[in-house]
């Protein structure tokens, strides 16, 4: 299976477009944005599965979000 991280937008184009400097620049900019989106997308899963998170991660999230009344001594 192909991973989205392994895909190069430039390599998907025909050879004559790959050689064009403007196309190279544009695909580089687009590729950087796609990579950023992909990186952020993996972080979204953190918020969707609180039941599956380890206690140190839950403690850190509670601290960062300033959850009122939360204590690290609470158990799951």
C-alpha atoms as a PDB file:
ATOM      1  CA  UNK A   1       0.000   0.000   0.000  1.00  0.00           C
ATOM      2  CA  UNK A   2       1.287   3.462  -0.859  1.00  0.00           C
ATOM      3  CA  UNK A   3       1.677   5.854   2.057  1.00  0.00           C
ATOM      4  CA  UNK A   4       0.757   9.467   1.510  1.00  0.00           C
ATOM      5  CA  UNK A   5       4.117  10.480   3.020  1.00  0.00           C
ATOM      6  CA  UNK A   6       5.907   8.666   0.193  1.00  0.00           C
ATOM      7  CA  UNK A   7       4.125  10.453  -2.647  1.00  0.00           C
ATOM      8  CA  UNK A   8       5.989  13.194  -4.479  1.00  0.00           C
ATOM      9  CA  UNK A   9       3.683  15.542  -6.318  1.00  0.00           C
ATOM     10  CA  UNK A  10       6.415  16.359  -8.841  1.00  0.00           C
ATOM     11  CA  UNK A  11       6.911  12.693  -9.755  1.00  0.00           C
ATOM     12  CA  UNK A  12       3.215  12.403 -10.591  1.00  0.00           C
ATOM     13  CA  UNK A  13       3.600  14.916 -13.411  1.00  0.00           C
ATOM     14  CA  UNK A  14       4.711  14.115 -16.957  1.00  0.00           C
ATOM     15  CA  UNK A  15       8.439  14.465 -17.656  1.00  0.00           C
ATOM     16  CA  UNK A  16       8.131  17.657 -19.682  1.00  0.00           C
ATOM     17  CA  UNK A  17       6.400  19.363 -16.732  1.00  0.00           C
ATOM     18  CA  UNK A  18       8.918  18.002 -14.232  1.00  0.00           C
ATOM     19  CA  UNK A  19      11.680  19.847 -16.086  1.00  0.00           C
ATOM     20  CA  UNK A  20       9.926  23.226 -15.947  1.00  0.00           C
ATOM     21  CA  UNK A  21      11.429  25.444 -13.198  1.00  0.00           C
ATOM     22  CA  UNK A  22       8.128  27.187 -12.426  1.00  0.00           C
ATOM     23  CA  UNK A  23       6.343  23.854 -12.100  1.00  0.00           C
ATOM     24  CA  UNK A  24       9.114  22.605  -9.826  1.00  0.00           C
ATOM     25  CA  UNK A  25       8.695  25.644  -7.599  1.00  0.00           C
ATOM     26  CA  UNK A  26       4.905  25.358  -7.509  1.00  0.00           C
ATOM     27  CA  UNK A  27       4.938  21.656  -6.728  1.00  0.00           C
ATOM     28  CA  UNK A  28       7.496  22.236  -3.970  1.00  0.00           C
ATOM     29  CA  UNK A  29       5.245  24.835  -2.325  1.00  0.00           C
ATOM     30  CA  UNK A  30       2.182  22.623  -2.678  1.00  0.00           C
ATOM     31  CA  UNK A  31       4.111  19.595  -1.404  1.00  0.00           C
ATOM     32  CA  UNK A  32       5.197  21.496   1.717  1.00  0.00           C
ATOM     33  CA  UNK A  33       1.582  22.420   2.453  1.00  0.00           C
ATOM     34  CA  UNK A  34       0.400  18.852   1.895  1.00  0.00           C
ATOM     35  CA  UNK A  35       3.113  17.570   4.227  1.00  0.00           C
ATOM     36  CA  UNK A  36       2.042  20.064   6.892  1.00  0.00           C
ATOM     37  CA  UNK A  37      -1.592  18.998   6.560  1.00  0.00           C
ATOM     38  CA  UNK A  38      -0.571  15.361   6.810  1.00  0.00           C
ATOM     39  CA  UNK A  39       1.455  16.041   9.965  1.00  0.00           C
ATOM     40  CA  UNK A  40      -1.410  17.914  11.594  1.00  0.00           C
ATOM     41  CA  UNK A  41      -3.895  15.222  10.585  1.00  0.00           C
ATOM     42  CA  UNK A  42      -2.046  12.582  12.589  1.00  0.00           C
ATOM     43  CA  UNK A  43      -2.334  14.779  15.692  1.00  0.00           C
ATOM     44  CA  UNK A  44      -6.122  14.937  15.348  1.00  0.00           C
ATOM     45  CA  UNK A  45      -6.460  11.323  16.416  1.00  0.00           C
ATOM     46  CA  UNK A  46      -5.152  12.288  19.844  1.00  0.00           C
ATOM     47  CA  UNK A  47      -8.408  14.106  20.582  1.00  0.00           C
ATOM     48  CA  UNK A  48     -10.715  11.392  19.287  1.00  0.00           C
ATOM     49  CA  UNK A  49      -9.719   8.555  21.608  1.00  0.00           C
ATOM     50  CA  UNK A  50      -9.381   9.759  25.184  1.00  0.00           C
ATOM     51  CA  UNK A  51     -10.172   6.281  26.528  1.00  0.00           C
ATOM     52  CA  UNK A  52      -7.120   4.865  24.789  1.00  0.00           C
ATOM     53  CA  UNK A  53      -4.612   7.482  25.956  1.00  0.00           C
ATOM     54  CA  UNK A  54      -1.983   6.748  28.578  1.00  0.00           C
ATOM     55  CA  UNK A  55      -2.363   8.444  31.945  1.00  0.00           C
ATOM     56  CA  UNK A  56       0.726  10.698  31.545  1.00  0.00           C
ATOM     57  CA  UNK A  57      -0.724  12.056  28.295  1.00  0.00           C
ATOM     58  CA  UNK A  58      -4.095  12.671  29.958  1.00  0.00           C
ATOM     59  CA  UNK A  59      -2.335  14.448  32.825  1.00  0.00           C
ATOM     60  CA  UNK A  60      -0.465  16.669  30.383  1.00  0.00           C
ATOM     61  CA  UNK A  61      -3.627  17.515  28.429  1.00  0.00           C
ATOM     62  CA  UNK A  62      -5.518  18.307  31.636  1.00  0.00           C
ATOM     63  CA  UNK A  63      -2.674  20.575  32.742  1.00  0.00           C
ATOM     64  CA  UNK A  64      -2.459  22.353  29.375  1.00  0.00           C
ATOM     65  CA  UNK A  65      -6.226  22.831  29.154  1.00  0.00           C
ATOM     66  CA  UNK A  66      -6.414  23.921  32.819  1.00  0.00           C
ATOM     67  CA  UNK A  67      -9.196  21.473  33.662  1.00  0.00           C
ATOM     68  CA  UNK A  68     -10.756  22.701  36.888  1.00  0.00           C
ATOM     69  CA  UNK A  69     -10.753  20.126  39.667  1.00  0.00           C
ATOM     70  CA  UNK A  70      -8.515  17.642  37.860  1.00  0.00           C
ATOM     71  CA  UNK A  71      -5.828  16.030  39.963  1.00  0.00           C
ATOM     72  CA  UNK A  72      -3.091  13.730  38.770  1.00  0.00           C
ATOM     73  CA  UNK A  73      -4.013  11.311  41.555  1.00  0.00           C
ATOM     74  CA  UNK A  74      -7.351  10.487  39.884  1.00  0.00           C
ATOM     75  CA  UNK A  75      -7.500   7.081  38.248  1.00  0.00           C
ATOM     76  CA  UNK A  76      -9.121   6.240  34.943  1.00  0.00           C
END
